């Protein structure tokens, strides 16, 4: 099996392809001044870019893990998420939990698994 690691550094790769499966790292926002909606939109745009880099897209996502620094951001995040996913036909399985993230200004982190 061939494994392709994209945008790797000493610690992790941003996205990995193996056996027709594409897995992203936990994707975080770079603009930490934004609110939960803005950070979610930024993260989802980066996920779109990474999936396209691997020849797939959000309609092929099978699983998503979402970490919020405060579960009260769930509603705001979901507003952006629902619009981005594009309806029930594209909805993956998903977990959404509260977690302490690397930086207290970071409100959301999302990791996905997709097929090619």
Protein backbone atom coordinates (compact mmCIF):
# COMPACT_ATOMS: atom_id res chain seq x y z
CA UNK A 1 0.00 0.00 0.00
CA UNK A 2 1.26 3.45 -0.90
CA UNK A 3 0.91 6.18 1.72
CA UNK A 4 1.17 9.81 0.59
CA UNK A 5 1.72 12.49 3.21
CA UNK A 6 0.98 16.09 2.21
CA UNK A 7 2.34 19.21 3.90
CA UNK A 8 4.28 17.21 6.46
CA UNK A 9 6.66 18.54 9.06
CA UNK A 10 8.58 16.89 11.91
CA UNK A 11 5.41 16.54 14.00
CA UNK A 12 2.57 15.66 11.60
CA UNK A 13 1.20 15.77 8.06
CA UNK A 14 -1.79 17.99 7.36
CA UNK A 15 -3.42 15.27 5.25
CA UNK A 16 -2.58 11.65 4.43
CA UNK A 17 -3.80 9.43 1.58
CA UNK A 18 -3.75 5.64 1.94
CA UNK A 19 -5.71 2.92 0.16
CA UNK A 20 -8.34 5.34 -1.19
CA UNK A 21 -8.89 6.99 2.20
CA UNK A 22 -7.98 10.61 2.95
CA UNK A 23 -7.48 11.68 6.57
CA UNK A 24 -6.82 15.23 7.69
CA UNK A 25 -5.08 16.30 10.84
CA UNK A 26 -7.08 18.36 13.28
CA UNK A 27 -7.43 21.58 11.31
CA UNK A 28 -7.30 24.79 13.30
CA UNK A 29 -7.94 28.42 12.42
CA UNK A 30 -5.09 30.87 11.96
CA UNK A 31 -7.18 34.01 12.62
CA UNK A 32 -7.94 33.64 16.32
CA UNK A 33 -9.63 37.06 16.48
CA UNK A 34 -12.71 35.63 14.74
CA UNK A 35 -15.81 34.32 16.48
CA UNK A 36 -16.89 30.66 16.36
CA UNK A 37 -18.63 31.09 13.00
CA UNK A 38 -15.62 32.81 11.45
CA UNK A 39 -13.15 30.25 12.79
CA UNK A 40 -15.38 27.39 11.61
CA UNK A 41 -15.64 28.89 8.12
CA UNK A 42 -11.85 29.26 7.95
CA UNK A 43 -11.27 25.67 9.08
CA UNK A 44 -13.82 24.27 6.61
CA UNK A 45 -12.25 26.23 3.74
CA UNK A 46 -8.89 24.69 4.63
CA UNK A 47 -10.48 21.23 4.71
CA UNK A 48 -11.91 21.90 1.23
CA UNK A 49 -8.41 22.80 0.03
CA UNK A 50 -6.80 19.71 1.55
CA UNK A 51 -9.45 17.36 0.18
CA UNK A 52 -9.06 18.88 -3.30
CA UNK A 53 -5.29 18.41 -3.02
CA UNK A 54 -6.03 14.68 -2.65
CA UNK A 55 -8.61 14.51 -5.43
CA UNK A 56 -11.74 14.34 -3.30
CA UNK A 57 -14.25 16.72 -1.72
CA UNK A 58 -16.61 17.28 1.21
CA UNK A 59 -19.37 15.13 -0.34
CA UNK A 60 -17.03 12.14 0.17
CA UNK A 61 -16.45 12.70 3.91
CA UNK A 62 -17.42 9.66 5.97
CA UNK A 63 -16.45 10.86 9.44
CA UNK A 64 -15.78 14.13 11.27
CA UNK A 65 -14.47 14.91 14.74
CA UNK A 66 -15.06 18.39 16.08
CA UNK A 67 -13.52 19.87 19.21
CA UNK A 68 -14.86 23.12 20.68
CA UNK A 69 -13.17 25.01 23.50
CA UNK A 70 -16.67 25.65 24.90
CA UNK A 71 -19.64 23.47 23.95
CA UNK A 72 -21.78 26.62 23.97
CA UNK A 73 -20.16 27.42 20.57
CA UNK A 74 -21.90 24.35 19.10
CA UNK A 75 -24.91 26.23 17.73
CA UNK A 76 -22.78 28.88 15.99
CA UNK A 77 -20.43 26.22 14.60
CA UNK A 78 -23.41 24.15 13.41
CA UNK A 79 -24.83 27.09 11.46
CA UNK A 80 -21.69 27.16 9.32
CA UNK A 81 -21.29 23.35 9.29
CA UNK A 82 -24.85 22.65 8.07
CA UNK A 83 -24.49 25.14 5.23
CA UNK A 84 -21.08 23.72 4.27
CA UNK A 85 -22.09 20.03 4.36
CA UNK A 86 -24.91 20.73 1.94
CA UNK A 87 -27.70 18.61 3.32
CA UNK A 88 -28.51 15.16 4.63
CA UNK A 89 -27.23 13.41 1.51
CA UNK A 90 -23.67 14.50 2.39
CA UNK A 91 -23.84 14.27 6.20
CA UNK A 92 -21.00 12.17 7.66
CA UNK A 93 -20.97 10.49 11.05
CA UNK A 94 -19.77 13.07 13.51
CA UNK A 95 -18.61 13.61 17.06
CA UNK A 96 -18.59 17.07 18.64
CA UNK A 97 -17.09 17.53 22.10
CA UNK A 98 -15.76 20.21 24.38
CA UNK A 99 -12.00 20.10 24.82
CA UNK A 100 -9.15 22.27 25.99
CA UNK A 101 -7.46 23.41 22.77
CA UNK A 102 -3.85 24.54 22.29
CA UNK A 103 -4.62 28.26 22.56
CA UNK A 104 -7.53 29.64 24.62
CA UNK A 105 -8.46 31.94 21.69
CA UNK A 106 -8.91 28.87 19.48
CA UNK A 107 -12.60 28.01 19.45
CA UNK A 108 -12.77 25.06 17.03
CA UNK A 109 -10.69 22.23 15.59
CA UNK A 110 -12.01 19.77 12.98
CA UNK A 111 -10.61 16.52 11.60
CA UNK A 112 -12.24 14.55 8.75
CA UNK A 113 -11.90 11.25 6.95
CA UNK A 114 -13.02 11.00 3.33
CA UNK A 115 -12.86 8.51 0.49
CA UNK A 116 -11.53 9.22 -2.99
